[in-house]
Amino acid sequence: MANEIVIKMSSANEPPKITLNGKKIKGIIGLEYKYDTSDAKSNGQHNFAIQYLDKDTSTIRAAVVHKMLEG
């Protein structure tokens, strides 16, 4: 499934475990997640941004997903 995001927090003192489209993301530097809806019955919008260190290339990478609020 495209844009499948799994965020698991096992402790407030540890970084979250994140899987994006089936791939485990390691070296997390920053994570922002926000969900808004106009009411309990409508579809909302997801805004997700993660920064992580790609250890293979020593490059900071980002993954961003934005869905516009419908209705």
PDB file of N, CA and C in Angstrom:
ATOM      1  N   MET A   1       0.852  -1.185   0.000  1.00  0.00           N
ATOM      2  CA  MET A   1       0.000   0.000   0.000  1.00  0.00           C
ATOM      3  C   MET A   1       0.894   1.243   0.000  1.00  0.00           C
ATOM      4  N   ALA A   2       0.683   2.157  -0.918  1.00  0.00           N
ATOM      5  CA  ALA A   2       1.480   3.372  -1.005  1.00  0.00           C
ATOM      6  C   ALA A   2       1.202   4.278   0.174  1.00  0.00           C
ATOM      7  N   ASN A   3       2.238   4.909   0.688  1.00  0.00           N
ATOM      8  CA  ASN A   3       2.158   5.839   1.810  1.00  0.00           C
ATOM      9  C   ASN A   3       1.655   5.190   3.096  1.00  0.00           C
ATOM     10  N   GLU A   4       1.922   3.905   3.279  1.00  0.00           N
ATOM     11  CA  GLU A   4       1.579   3.259   4.537  1.00  0.00           C
ATOM     12  C   GLU A   4       2.628   3.627   5.576  1.00  0.00           C
ATOM     13  N   ILE A   5       2.172   4.174   6.707  1.00  0.00           N
ATOM     14  CA  ILE A   5       3.066   4.639   7.757  1.00  0.00           C
ATOM     15  C   ILE A   5       2.667   3.963   9.060  1.00  0.00           C
ATOM     16  N   VAL A   6       3.656   3.346   9.719  1.00  0.00           N
ATOM     17  CA  VAL A   6       3.435   2.756  11.030  1.00  0.00           C
ATOM     18  C   VAL A   6       4.398   3.436  11.992  1.00  0.00           C
ATOM     19  N   ILE A   7       3.848   4.030  13.052  1.00  0.00           N
ATOM     20  CA  ILE A   7       4.649   4.700  14.074  1.00  0.00           C
ATOM     21  C   ILE A   7       4.376   3.987  15.391  1.00  0.00           C
ATOM     22  N   LYS A   8       5.433   3.482  16.021  1.00  0.00           N
ATOM     23  CA  LYS A   8       5.278   2.774  17.288  1.00  0.00           C
ATOM     24  C   LYS A   8       6.182   3.423  18.320  1.00  0.00           C
ATOM     25  N   MET A   9       5.570   3.837  19.426  1.00  0.00           N
ATOM     26  CA  MET A   9       6.334   4.390  20.546  1.00  0.00           C
ATOM     27  C   MET A   9       6.272   3.392  21.686  1.00  0.00           C
ATOM     28  N   SER A  10       7.410   2.858  22.069  1.00  0.00           N
ATOM     29  CA  SER A  10       7.438   1.902  23.170  1.00  0.00           C
ATOM     30  C   SER A  10       7.822   2.567  24.482  1.00  0.00           C
ATOM     31  N   SER A  11       8.413   3.753  24.398  1.00  0.00           N
ATOM     32  CA  SER A  11       8.838   4.473  25.584  1.00  0.00           C
ATOM     33  C   SER A  11       8.971   5.954  25.242  1.00  0.00           C
ATOM     34  N   ALA A  12       8.654   6.805  26.198  1.00  0.00           N
ATOM     35  CA  ALA A  12       8.809   8.244  25.980  1.00  0.00           C
ATOM     36  C   ALA A  12      10.277   8.646  25.902  1.00  0.00           C
ATOM     37  N   ASN A  13      11.182   7.767  26.334  1.00  0.00           N
ATOM     38  CA  ASN A  13      12.614   8.066  26.343  1.00  0.00           C
ATOM     39  C   ASN A  13      13.370   7.472  25.162  1.00  0.00           C
ATOM     40  N   GLU A  14      12.678   6.777  24.272  1.00  0.00           N
ATOM     41  CA  GLU A  14      13.310   6.154  23.109  1.00  0.00           C
ATOM     42  C   GLU A  14      12.720   6.751  21.832  1.00  0.00           C
ATOM     43  N   PRO A  15      13.495   6.777  20.754  1.00  0.00           N
ATOM     44  CA  PRO A  15      12.923   7.256  19.490  1.00  0.00           C
ATOM     45  C   PRO A  15      11.836   6.292  19.009  1.00  0.00           C
ATOM     46  N   PRO A  16      10.852   6.803  18.269  1.00  0.00           N
ATOM     47  CA  PRO A  16       9.802   5.916  17.762  1.00  0.00           C
ATOM     48  C   PRO A  16      10.362   4.962  16.707  1.00  0.00           C
ATOM     49  N   LYS A  17       9.684   3.842  16.557  1.00  0.00           N
ATOM     50  CA  LYS A  17      10.007   2.903  15.476  1.00  0.00           C
ATOM     51  C   LYS A  17       9.051   3.232  14.338  1.00  0.00           C
ATOM     52  N   ILE A  18       9.613   3.519  13.160  1.00  0.00           N
ATOM     53  CA  ILE A  18       8.810   3.949  12.025  1.00  0.00           C
ATOM     54  C   ILE A  18       9.041   3.023  10.845  1.00  0.00           C
ATOM     55  N   THR A  19       7.929   2.591  10.246  1.00  0.00           N
ATOM     56  CA  THR A  19       7.974   1.813   9.011  1.00  0.00           C
ATOM     57  C   THR A  19       7.215   2.605   7.958  1.00  0.00           C
ATOM     58  N   LEU A  20       7.844   2.843   6.815  1.00  0.00           N
ATOM     59  CA  LEU A  20       7.253   3.604   5.722  1.00  0.00           C
ATOM     60  C   LEU A  20       7.233   2.723   4.486  1.00  0.00           C
ATOM     61  N   ASN A  21       6.025   2.394   4.022  1.00  0.00           N
ATOM     62  CA  ASN A  21       5.856   1.520   2.861  1.00  0.00           C
ATOM     63  C   ASN A  21       6.616   0.213   3.017  1.00  0.00           C
ATOM     64  N   GLY A  22       6.574  -0.363   4.226  1.00  0.00           N
ATOM     65  CA  GLY A  22       7.209  -1.651   4.493  1.00  0.00           C
ATOM     66  C   GLY A  22       8.685  -1.590   4.814  1.00  0.00           C
ATOM     67  N   LYS A  23       9.301  -0.405   4.744  1.00  0.00           N
ATOM     68  CA  LYS A  23      10.730  -0.263   5.011  1.00  0.00           C
ATOM     69  C   LYS A  23      10.937   0.393   6.381  1.00  0.00           C
ATOM     70  N   LYS A  24      11.734  -0.249   7.241  1.00  0.00           N
ATOM     71  CA  LYS A  24      12.038   0.330   8.540  1.00  0.00           C
ATOM     72  C   LYS A  24      12.966   1.521   8.359  1.00  0.00           C
ATOM     73  N   ILE A  25      12.602   2.643   8.974  1.00  0.00           N
ATOM     74  CA  ILE A  25      13.398   3.865   8.901  1.00  0.00           C
ATOM     75  C   ILE A  25      14.270   3.923  10.144  1.00  0.00           C
ATOM     76  N   LYS A  26      15.563   4.028   9.951  1.00  0.00           N
ATOM     77  CA  LYS A  26      16.510   4.106  11.068  1.00  0.00           C
ATOM     78  C   LYS A  26      17.202   5.463  11.040  1.00  0.00           C
ATOM     79  N   GLY A  27      17.835   5.835  12.136  1.00  0.00           N
ATOM     80  CA  GLY A  27      18.572   7.096  12.205  1.00  0.00           C
ATOM     81  C   GLY A  27      17.650   8.297  12.229  1.00  0.00           C
ATOM     82  N   ILE A  28      16.520   8.194  12.928  1.00  0.00           N
ATOM     83  CA  ILE A  28      15.523   9.268  12.952  1.00  0.00           C
ATOM     84  C   ILE A  28      16.089  10.518  13.622  1.00  0.00           C
ATOM     85  N   ILE A  29      15.948  11.635  12.924  1.00  0.00           N
ATOM     86  CA  ILE A  29      16.388  12.930  13.429  1.00  0.00           C
ATOM     87  C   ILE A  29      15.180  13.746  13.890  1.00  0.00           C
ATOM     88  N   GLY A  30      14.109  13.718  13.106  1.00  0.00           N
ATOM     89  CA  GLY A  30      12.920  14.487  13.457  1.00  0.00           C
ATOM     90  C   GLY A  30      11.671  13.840  12.900  1.00  0.00           C
ATOM     91  N   LEU A  31      10.546  14.015  13.604  1.00  0.00           N
ATOM     92  CA  LEU A  31       9.265  13.462  13.181  1.00  0.00           C
ATOM     93  C   LEU A  31       8.173  14.460  13.524  1.00  0.00           C
ATOM     94  N   GLU A  32       7.318  14.766  12.546  1.00  0.00           N
ATOM     95  CA  GLU A  32       6.145  15.602  12.768  1.00  0.00           C
ATOM     96  C   GLU A  32       4.944  14.866  12.191  1.00  0.00           C
ATOM     97  N   TYR A  33       3.863  14.777  12.962  1.00  0.00           N
ATOM     98  CA  TYR A  33       2.643  14.146  12.480  1.00  0.00           C
ATOM     99  C   TYR A  33       1.458  14.934  13.003  1.00  0.00           C
ATOM    100  N   LYS A  34       0.533  15.237  12.107  1.00  0.00           N
ATOM    101  CA  LYS A  34      -0.650  15.990  12.495  1.00  0.00           C
ATOM    102  C   LYS A  34      -1.831  15.460  11.688  1.00  0.00           C
ATOM    103  N   TYR A  35      -2.970  15.308  12.350  1.00  0.00           N
ATOM    104  CA  TYR A  35      -4.203  14.894  11.689  1.00  0.00           C
ATOM    105  C   TYR A  35      -5.297  15.875  12.077  1.00  0.00           C
ATOM    106  N   ASP A  36      -5.998  16.416  11.092  1.00  0.00           N
ATOM    107  CA  ASP A  36      -7.085  17.361  11.328  1.00  0.00           C
ATOM    108  C   ASP A  36      -8.315  16.912  10.565  1.00  0.00           C
ATOM    109  N   THR A  37      -9.483  17.148  11.158  1.00  0.00           N
ATOM    110  CA  THR A  37     -10.751  16.885  10.493  1.00  0.00           C
ATOM    111  C   THR A  37     -11.735  17.974  10.877  1.00  0.00           C
ATOM    112  N   SER A  38     -12.689  18.236  10.011  1.00  0.00           N
ATOM    113  CA  SER A  38     -13.669  19.277  10.313  1.00  0.00           C
ATOM    114  C   SER A  38     -14.762  18.779  11.258  1.00  0.00           C
ATOM    115  N   ASP A  39     -15.010  17.455  11.271  1.00  0.00           N
ATOM    116  CA  ASP A  39     -15.946  16.864  12.221  1.00  0.00           C
ATOM    117  C   ASP A  39     -15.673  15.362  12.307  1.00  0.00           C
ATOM    118  N   ALA A  40     -16.364  14.667  13.188  1.00  0.00           N
ATOM    119  CA  ALA A  40     -16.085  13.255  13.447  1.00  0.00           C
ATOM    120  C   ALA A  40     -16.491  12.334  12.298  1.00  0.00           C
ATOM    121  N   LYS A  41     -17.308  12.814  11.363  1.00  0.00           N
ATOM    122  CA  LYS A  41     -17.799  11.958  10.275  1.00  0.00           C
ATOM    123  C   LYS A  41     -17.033  12.132   8.967  1.00  0.00           C
ATOM    124  N   SER A  42     -16.306  13.215   8.813  1.00  0.00           N
ATOM    125  CA  SER A  42     -15.643  13.487   7.530  1.00  0.00           C
ATOM    126  C   SER A  42     -14.226  12.939   7.503  1.00  0.00           C
ATOM    127  N   ASN A  43     -13.718  12.774   6.298  1.00  0.00           N
ATOM    128  CA  ASN A  43     -12.317  12.400   6.140  1.00  0.00           C
ATOM    129  C   ASN A  43     -11.457  13.598   6.512  1.00  0.00           C
ATOM    130  N   GLY A  44     -10.352  13.326   7.111  1.00  0.00           N
ATOM    131  CA  GLY A  44      -9.471  14.401   7.530  1.00  0.00           C
ATOM    132  C   GLY A  44      -8.244  14.484   6.647  1.00  0.00           C
ATOM    133  N   GLN A  45      -7.260  15.188   7.147  1.00  0.00           N
ATOM    134  CA  GLN A  45      -6.006  15.323   6.418  1.00  0.00           C
ATOM    135  C   GLN A  45      -4.861  14.857   7.306  1.00  0.00           C
ATOM    136  N   HIS A  46      -3.913  14.199   6.681  1.00  0.00           N
ATOM    137  CA  HIS A  46      -2.709  13.746   7.359  1.00  0.00           C
ATOM    138  C   HIS A  46      -1.553  14.603   6.867  1.00  0.00           C
ATOM    139  N   ASN A  47      -0.742  15.055   7.789  1.00  0.00           N
ATOM    140  CA  ASN A  47       0.490  15.747   7.448  1.00  0.00           C
ATOM    141  C   ASN A  47       1.606  15.063   8.224  1.00  0.00           C
ATOM    142  N   PHE A  48       2.556  14.527   7.493  1.00  0.00           N
ATOM    143  CA  PHE A  48       3.605  13.703   8.072  1.00  0.00           C
ATOM    144  C   PHE A  48       4.935  14.116   7.473  1.00  0.00           C
ATOM    145  N   ALA A  49       5.930  14.320   8.316  1.00  0.00           N
ATOM    146  CA  ALA A  49       7.277  14.631   7.828  1.00  0.00           C
ATOM    147  C   ALA A  49       8.293  13.953   8.742  1.00  0.00           C
ATOM    148  N   ILE A  50       9.268  13.308   8.134  1.00  0.00           N
ATOM    149  CA  ILE A  50      10.324  12.660   8.909  1.00  0.00           C
ATOM    150  C   ILE A  50      11.669  13.008   8.290  1.00  0.00           C
ATOM    151  N   GLN A  51      12.628  13.271   9.129  1.00  0.00           N
ATOM    152  CA  GLN A  51      14.014  13.429   8.696  1.00  0.00           C
ATOM    153  C   GLN A  51      14.808  12.297   9.325  1.00  0.00           C
ATOM    154  N   TYR A  52      15.693  11.698   8.524  1.00  0.00           N
ATOM    155  CA  TYR A  52      16.501  10.591   9.032  1.00  0.00           C
ATOM    156  C   TYR A  52      17.850  10.565   8.338  1.00  0.00           C
ATOM    157  N   LEU A  53      18.801   9.956   9.002  1.00  0.00           N
ATOM    158  CA  LEU A  53      20.144   9.837   8.460  1.00  0.00           C
ATOM    159  C   LEU A  53      20.253   8.526   7.693  1.00  0.00           C
ATOM    160  N   ASP A  54      20.544   8.618   6.408  1.00  0.00           N
ATOM    161  CA  ASP A  54      20.824   7.441   5.587  1.00  0.00           C
ATOM    162  C   ASP A  54      22.279   7.073   5.850  1.00  0.00           C
ATOM    163  N   LYS A  55      22.491   6.060   6.669  1.00  0.00           N
ATOM    164  CA  LYS A  55      23.848   5.714   7.101  1.00  0.00           C
ATOM    165  C   LYS A  55      24.708   5.177   5.965  1.00  0.00           C
ATOM    166  N   ASP A  56      24.083   4.610   4.921  1.00  0.00           N
ATOM    167  CA  ASP A  56      24.848   4.090   3.784  1.00  0.00           C
ATOM    168  C   ASP A  56      25.540   5.201   3.007  1.00  0.00           C
ATOM    169  N   THR A  57      24.874   6.372   2.930  1.00  0.00           N
ATOM    170  CA  THR A  57      25.430   7.475   2.146  1.00  0.00           C
ATOM    171  C   THR A  57      25.780   8.692   3.004  1.00  0.00           C
ATOM    172  N   SER A  58      25.581   8.597   4.319  1.00  0.00           N
ATOM    173  CA  SER A  58      25.810   9.725   5.243  1.00  0.00           C
ATOM    174  C   SER A  58      25.059  10.976   4.793  1.00  0.00           C
ATOM    175  N   THR A  59      23.810  10.769   4.360  1.00  0.00           N
ATOM    176  CA  THR A  59      22.976  11.857   3.863  1.00  0.00           C
ATOM    177  C   THR A  59      21.728  11.970   4.725  1.00  0.00           C
ATOM    178  N   ILE A  60      21.341  13.195   5.045  1.00  0.00           N
ATOM    179  CA  ILE A  60      20.071  13.402   5.727  1.00  0.00           C
ATOM    180  C   ILE A  60      18.973  13.415   4.673  1.00  0.00           C
ATOM    181  N   ARG A  61      17.989  12.562   4.848  1.00  0.00           N
ATOM    182  CA  ARG A  61      16.884  12.436   3.901  1.00  0.00           C
ATOM    183  C   ARG A  61      15.580  12.826   4.581  1.00  0.00           C
ATOM    184  N   ALA A  62      14.571  13.092   3.772  1.00  0.00           N
ATOM    185  CA  ALA A  62      13.257  13.446   4.301  1.00  0.00           C
ATOM    186  C   ALA A  62      12.177  12.696   3.539  1.00  0.00           C
ATOM    187  N   ALA A  63      11.117  12.343   4.234  1.00  0.00           N
ATOM    188  CA  ALA A  63       9.913  11.778   3.631  1.00  0.00           C
ATOM    189  C   ALA A  63       8.753  12.634   4.120  1.00  0.00           C
ATOM    190  N   VAL A  64       7.924  13.090   3.183  1.00  0.00           N
ATOM    191  CA  VAL A  64       6.823  13.995   3.514  1.00  0.00           C
ATOM    192  C   VAL A  64       5.556  13.513   2.840  1.00  0.00           C
ATOM    193  N   VAL A  65       4.449  13.505   3.588  1.00  0.00           N
ATOM    194  CA  VAL A  65       3.143  13.155   3.040  1.00  0.00           C
ATOM    195  C   VAL A  65       2.161  14.231   3.495  1.00  0.00           C
ATOM    196  N   HIS A  66       1.450  14.826   2.538  1.00  0.00           N
ATOM    197  CA  HIS A  66       0.411  15.806   2.853  1.00  0.00           C
ATOM    198  C   HIS A  66      -0.854  15.411   2.114  1.00  0.00           C
ATOM    199  N   LYS A  67      -1.958  15.376   2.822  1.00  0.00           N
ATOM    200  CA  LYS A  67      -3.258  15.128   2.213  1.00  0.00           C
ATOM    201  C   LYS A  67      -4.124  16.333   2.501  1.00  0.00           C
ATOM    202  N   MET A  68      -4.723  16.872   1.485  1.00  0.00           N
ATOM    203  CA  MET A  68      -5.549  18.060   1.645  1.00  0.00           C
ATOM    204  C   MET A  68      -6.864  17.698   2.307  1.00  0.00           C
ATOM    205  N   LEU A  69      -7.380  18.580   3.135  1.00  0.00           N
ATOM    206  CA  LEU A  69      -8.665  18.402   3.802  1.00  0.00           C
ATOM    207  C   LEU A  69      -9.772  18.443   2.763  1.00  0.00           C
ATOM    208  N   GLU A  70     -10.615  17.404   2.750  1.00  0.00           N
ATOM    209  CA  GLU A  70     -11.697  17.326   1.784  1.00  0.00           C
ATOM    210  C   GLU A  70     -13.008  17.711   2.444  1.00  0.00           C
ATOM    211  N   GLY A  71     -13.883  18.321   1.656  1.00  0.00           N
ATOM    212  CA  GLY A  71     -15.233  18.648   2.139  1.00  0.00           C
ATOM    213  C   GLY A  71     -15.211  19.861   2.919  1.00  0.00           C
TER     214      GLY A  71
END
